[in-house]
Amino acid sequence: MKQIIVGVGGIVIKDSKILLVRHTYGQFKGKWIIPGGHIEAGENIDDAVLREIKEETSIEARVKNIISIRSILLPDGNSEIYIVFLLDYVSGIPTPDGIENDAADFFDIDKVIYDENVVYLSRYLIKKGIDAQL
């Protein structure tokens, strides 16, 4: 039976800086990305993105709005929906979870959007998030 997998990502902005994590596995191992993950059963999308941000970085945030929705058909026939949120920083010091990522920090937005060590999709979404704020 085919499935629909729903993932969320969060663009957290604090003082003109963006929150990123350095991935520890898969095709993006060693690269910086926006934090995120999959929705758990019985969870709404707002709660999912806040949970993922907290789990991966120890940062508390507040949902501002949705800036992007992407839907793709995976090679195995399943579908994936990826919803990206713009979030306001609330509190906390970036701390990696030590499992999915080995570093977490805030970076200057102007530098991140051109940094090859940041996954292209994350750079694109960060730019989209900045444009959404204007």
Foldseek 3Di string as FASTA:
>chain_A
DAAEWEKEFEFEDDPQWTKWFAFCDDPRHRAIATWITTDDPPDDPQVRHQVRCCLAFVWGKHFDAWQDWDWDQDPVRHIYIYIYTYIYTDDDAGDGNVPGGHDMHIGRLVVVLPDPSHDPVRSVVSVSSVVVVD
